[in-house]
C-alpha cells in the first residue's frame, strides 16, 4: 500500500508542479487532448480555482478553531476532497462527461489511499 501511495503521490506531484509552472509562465499545460481550449479555461475557472479556495478556507477555519492537522498527508486529503466536490459540481455544466467520470474515479481512489495512509500515520503519532 505504501508503494502505491508513493507512486500516486509522485505522479500527482509532477503533474501539479509542471502545471503550476506552466500557468505562471504561460507555457502549454498538461490538458486533456479531447477538450477544446474554451472548455479547459472554464474548467480551470470553475473547478481548479474553487478547489484552491475551498482548501484555504478549510485551513483558515482550522486555524481559528486552534486545531492542527494530525499528519502531513492531511492537507493533501483536504485538497483532494475539495477537488472531488468541485468535479462533482462540474457534472452540471461539462458537455463531455467521460473524462470527468474518469477524473472523479481517480480522485475517489486517491482519496481512499490518502485517507488510509493518514490513519496509519496518525496511529503512529499517538
C-alpha atoms as a PDB file:
ATOM      1  CA  UNK A   1       0.000   0.000   0.000  1.00  0.00           C
ATOM      2  CA  UNK A   2       2.875   2.380   0.747  1.00  0.00           C
ATOM      3  CA  UNK A   3       4.370   1.829  -2.709  1.00  0.00           C
ATOM      4  CA  UNK A   4       1.014   2.536  -4.351  1.00  0.00           C
ATOM      5  CA  UNK A   5       0.708   5.685  -2.257  1.00  0.00           C
ATOM      6  CA  UNK A   6       4.195   6.820  -3.283  1.00  0.00           C
ATOM      7  CA  UNK A   7       3.517   6.167  -6.970  1.00  0.00           C
ATOM      8  CA  UNK A   8       0.237   8.087  -6.980  1.00  0.00           C
ATOM      9  CA  UNK A   9       1.636  10.961  -4.958  1.00  0.00           C
ATOM     10  CA  UNK A  10       4.728  11.163  -7.186  1.00  0.00           C
ATOM     11  CA  UNK A  11       2.654  11.328 -10.367  1.00  0.00           C
ATOM     12  CA  UNK A  12       0.307  13.850  -8.743  1.00  0.00           C
ATOM     13  CA  UNK A  13       3.283  15.941  -7.580  1.00  0.00           C
ATOM     14  CA  UNK A  14       4.860  16.023 -11.047  1.00  0.00           C
ATOM     15  CA  UNK A  15       1.530  16.898 -12.673  1.00  0.00           C
ATOM     16  CA  UNK A  16       0.780  19.701 -10.200  1.00  0.00           C
ATOM     17  CA  UNK A  17       4.305  21.131 -10.237  1.00  0.00           C
ATOM     18  CA  UNK A  18       4.514  21.219 -14.025  1.00  0.00           C
ATOM     19  CA  UNK A  19       1.068  22.799 -14.378  1.00  0.00           C
ATOM     20  CA  UNK A  20       1.834  25.372 -11.674  1.00  0.00           C
ATOM     21  CA  UNK A  21       4.963  26.455 -13.557  1.00  0.00           C
ATOM     22  CA  UNK A  22       3.099  26.349 -16.884  1.00  0.00           C
ATOM     23  CA  UNK A  23       0.282  28.555 -15.601  1.00  0.00           C
ATOM     24  CA  UNK A  24       2.700  31.059 -14.042  1.00  0.00           C
ATOM     25  CA  UNK A  25       4.797  31.472 -17.176  1.00  0.00           C
ATOM     26  CA  UNK A  26       2.076  30.849 -19.786  1.00  0.00           C
ATOM     27  CA  UNK A  27       3.546  27.570 -21.072  1.00  0.00           C
ATOM     28  CA  UNK A  28       1.485  24.738 -22.508  1.00  0.00           C
ATOM     29  CA  UNK A  29      -0.117  22.991 -19.536  1.00  0.00           C
ATOM     30  CA  UNK A  30      -0.916  19.286 -19.408  1.00  0.00           C
ATOM     31  CA  UNK A  31      -4.525  19.132 -20.570  1.00  0.00           C
ATOM     32  CA  UNK A  32      -6.980  16.658 -21.959  1.00  0.00           C
ATOM     33  CA  UNK A  33      -6.494  16.485 -25.745  1.00  0.00           C
ATOM     34  CA  UNK A  34     -10.207  15.941 -26.424  1.00  0.00           C
ATOM     35  CA  UNK A  35     -11.242  19.201 -24.738  1.00  0.00           C
ATOM     36  CA  UNK A  36     -11.182  22.488 -26.553  1.00  0.00           C
ATOM     37  CA  UNK A  37      -9.305  25.444 -25.021  1.00  0.00           C
ATOM     38  CA  UNK A  38     -12.518  27.219 -24.010  1.00  0.00           C
ATOM     39  CA  UNK A  39     -13.707  24.189 -22.033  1.00  0.00           C
ATOM     40  CA  UNK A  40     -10.325  23.929 -20.315  1.00  0.00           C
ATOM     41  CA  UNK A  41     -10.432  27.616 -19.367  1.00  0.00           C
ATOM     42  CA  UNK A  42     -13.906  27.147 -17.937  1.00  0.00           C
ATOM     43  CA  UNK A  43     -12.759  24.007 -16.064  1.00  0.00           C
ATOM     44  CA  UNK A  44      -9.858  25.932 -14.545  1.00  0.00           C
ATOM     45  CA  UNK A  45     -12.096  28.815 -13.554  1.00  0.00           C
ATOM     46  CA  UNK A  46     -14.997  26.734 -12.211  1.00  0.00           C
ATOM     47  CA  UNK A  47     -13.154  23.732 -10.711  1.00  0.00           C
ATOM     48  CA  UNK A  48      -9.452  24.307 -10.058  1.00  0.00           C
ATOM     49  CA  UNK A  49      -9.679  27.822  -8.614  1.00  0.00           C
ATOM     50  CA  UNK A  50     -12.598  26.937  -6.293  1.00  0.00           C
ATOM     51  CA  UNK A  51     -10.644  23.844  -5.178  1.00  0.00           C
ATOM     52  CA  UNK A  52      -7.772  26.051  -4.089  1.00  0.00           C
ATOM     53  CA  UNK A  53     -10.099  28.498  -2.371  1.00  0.00           C
ATOM     54  CA  UNK A  54     -12.028  25.766  -0.519  1.00  0.00           C
ATOM     55  CA  UNK A  55      -8.748  24.269   0.702  1.00  0.00           C
ATOM     56  CA  UNK A  56      -7.541  27.625   2.003  1.00  0.00           C
ATOM     57  CA  UNK A  57     -10.909  28.279   3.686  1.00  0.00           C
ATOM     58  CA  UNK A  58     -10.726  24.894   5.434  1.00  0.00           C
ATOM     59  CA  UNK A  59      -7.267  25.544   6.852  1.00  0.00           C
ATOM     60  CA  UNK A  60      -8.149  29.070   7.919  1.00  0.00           C
ATOM     61  CA  UNK A  61     -11.165  27.701   9.806  1.00  0.00           C
ATOM     62  CA  UNK A  62      -8.931  25.083  11.449  1.00  0.00           C
ATOM     63  CA  UNK A  63      -6.514  27.831  12.440  1.00  0.00           C
ATOM     64  CA  UNK A  64      -9.279  29.898  14.042  1.00  0.00           C
ATOM     65  CA  UNK A  65     -10.532  26.782  15.848  1.00  0.00           C
ATOM     66  CA  UNK A  66      -6.978  26.174  17.215  1.00  0.00           C
ATOM     67  CA  UNK A  67      -6.761  22.742  15.626  1.00  0.00           C
ATOM     68  CA  UNK A  68      -3.726  21.386  13.838  1.00  0.00           C
ATOM     69  CA  UNK A  69      -3.567  18.581  11.304  1.00  0.00           C
ATOM     70  CA  UNK A  70      -2.514  15.188  12.591  1.00  0.00           C
ATOM     71  CA  UNK A  71      -0.247  14.135   9.733  1.00  0.00           C
ATOM     72  CA  UNK A  72       1.495  15.640   6.754  1.00  0.00           C
ATOM     73  CA  UNK A  73      -0.965  13.864   4.440  1.00  0.00           C
ATOM     74  CA  UNK A  74      -3.970  15.736   5.818  1.00  0.00           C
ATOM     75  CA  UNK A  75      -3.559  18.817   3.552  1.00  0.00           C
ATOM     76  CA  UNK A  76      -3.375  16.515   0.519  1.00  0.00           C
ATOM     77  CA  UNK A  77      -6.524  14.750   1.671  1.00  0.00           C
ATOM     78  CA  UNK A  78      -8.393  18.044   2.160  1.00  0.00           C
ATOM     79  CA  UNK A  79      -7.295  19.279  -1.269  1.00  0.00           C
ATOM     80  CA  UNK A  80      -8.463  16.044  -2.925  1.00  0.00           C
ATOM     81  CA  UNK A  81     -11.818  16.284  -1.128  1.00  0.00           C
ATOM     82  CA  UNK A  82     -12.277  19.862  -2.324  1.00  0.00           C
ATOM     83  CA  UNK A  83     -11.297  18.810  -5.853  1.00  0.00           C
ATOM     84  CA  UNK A  84     -13.796  15.943  -5.765  1.00  0.00           C
ATOM     85  CA  UNK A  85     -16.540  18.326  -4.630  1.00  0.00           C
ATOM     86  CA  UNK A  86     -15.747  20.752  -7.451  1.00  0.00           C
ATOM     87  CA  UNK A  87     -15.514  17.926 -10.011  1.00  0.00           C
ATOM     88  CA  UNK A  88     -18.923  16.645  -8.962  1.00  0.00           C
ATOM     89  CA  UNK A  89     -20.345  20.140  -9.371  1.00  0.00           C
ATOM     90  CA  UNK A  90     -18.797  20.229 -12.856  1.00  0.00           C
ATOM     91  CA  UNK A  91     -21.133  17.386 -13.871  1.00  0.00           C
ATOM     92  CA  UNK A  92     -23.808  20.060 -14.210  1.00  0.00           C
ATOM     93  CA  UNK A  93     -22.058  22.042 -16.956  1.00  0.00           C
ATOM     94  CA  UNK A  94     -19.366  19.900 -18.640  1.00  0.00           C
ATOM     95  CA  UNK A  95     -20.677  18.675 -22.012  1.00  0.00           C
ATOM     96  CA  UNK A  96     -18.280  15.717 -22.441  1.00  0.00           C
ATOM     97  CA  UNK A  97     -18.707  13.802 -19.187  1.00  0.00           C
ATOM     98  CA  UNK A  98     -16.475  10.736 -19.831  1.00  0.00           C
ATOM     99  CA  UNK A  99     -13.189  12.475 -18.891  1.00  0.00           C
ATOM    100  CA  UNK A 100     -14.890  13.908 -15.834  1.00  0.00           C
ATOM    101  CA  UNK A 101     -16.091  10.451 -14.758  1.00  0.00           C
ATOM    102  CA  UNK A 102     -12.532   9.163 -15.147  1.00  0.00           C
ATOM    103  CA  UNK A 103     -11.199  12.098 -13.100  1.00  0.00           C
ATOM    104  CA  UNK A 104     -13.812  11.550 -10.387  1.00  0.00           C
ATOM    105  CA  UNK A 105     -12.984   7.837 -10.225  1.00  0.00           C
ATOM    106  CA  UNK A 106      -9.254   8.507  -9.986  1.00  0.00           C
ATOM    107  CA  UNK A 107      -9.866  11.270  -7.448  1.00  0.00           C
ATOM    108  CA  UNK A 108     -12.005   8.976  -5.279  1.00  0.00           C
ATOM    109  CA  UNK A 109      -9.385   6.205  -5.464  1.00  0.00           C
ATOM    110  CA  UNK A 110      -6.663   8.652  -4.409  1.00  0.00           C
ATOM    111  CA  UNK A 111      -8.807   9.872  -1.506  1.00  0.00           C
ATOM    112  CA  UNK A 112      -9.165   6.318  -0.175  1.00  0.00           C
ATOM    113  CA  UNK A 113      -5.420   5.695  -0.459  1.00  0.00           C
ATOM    114  CA  UNK A 114      -4.537   9.005   1.219  1.00  0.00           C
ATOM    115  CA  UNK A 115      -7.088   8.503   3.981  1.00  0.00           C
ATOM    116  CA  UNK A 116      -5.799   5.022   4.824  1.00  0.00           C
ATOM    117  CA  UNK A 117      -2.200   6.286   4.851  1.00  0.00           C
ATOM    118  CA  UNK A 118      -3.250   9.243   7.027  1.00  0.00           C
ATOM    119  CA  UNK A 119      -4.956   6.914   9.505  1.00  0.00           C
ATOM    120  CA  UNK A 120      -1.847   4.730   9.622  1.00  0.00           C
ATOM    121  CA  UNK A 121       0.421   7.724  10.278  1.00  0.00           C
ATOM    122  CA  UNK A 122      -1.999   9.208  12.799  1.00  0.00           C
ATOM    123  CA  UNK A 123      -1.889   5.981  14.782  1.00  0.00           C
ATOM    124  CA  UNK A 124       1.923   6.099  14.726  1.00  0.00           C
ATOM    125  CA  UNK A 125       1.884   9.615  16.238  1.00  0.00           C
ATOM    126  CA  UNK A 126      -0.315   8.645  19.199  1.00  0.00           C
END
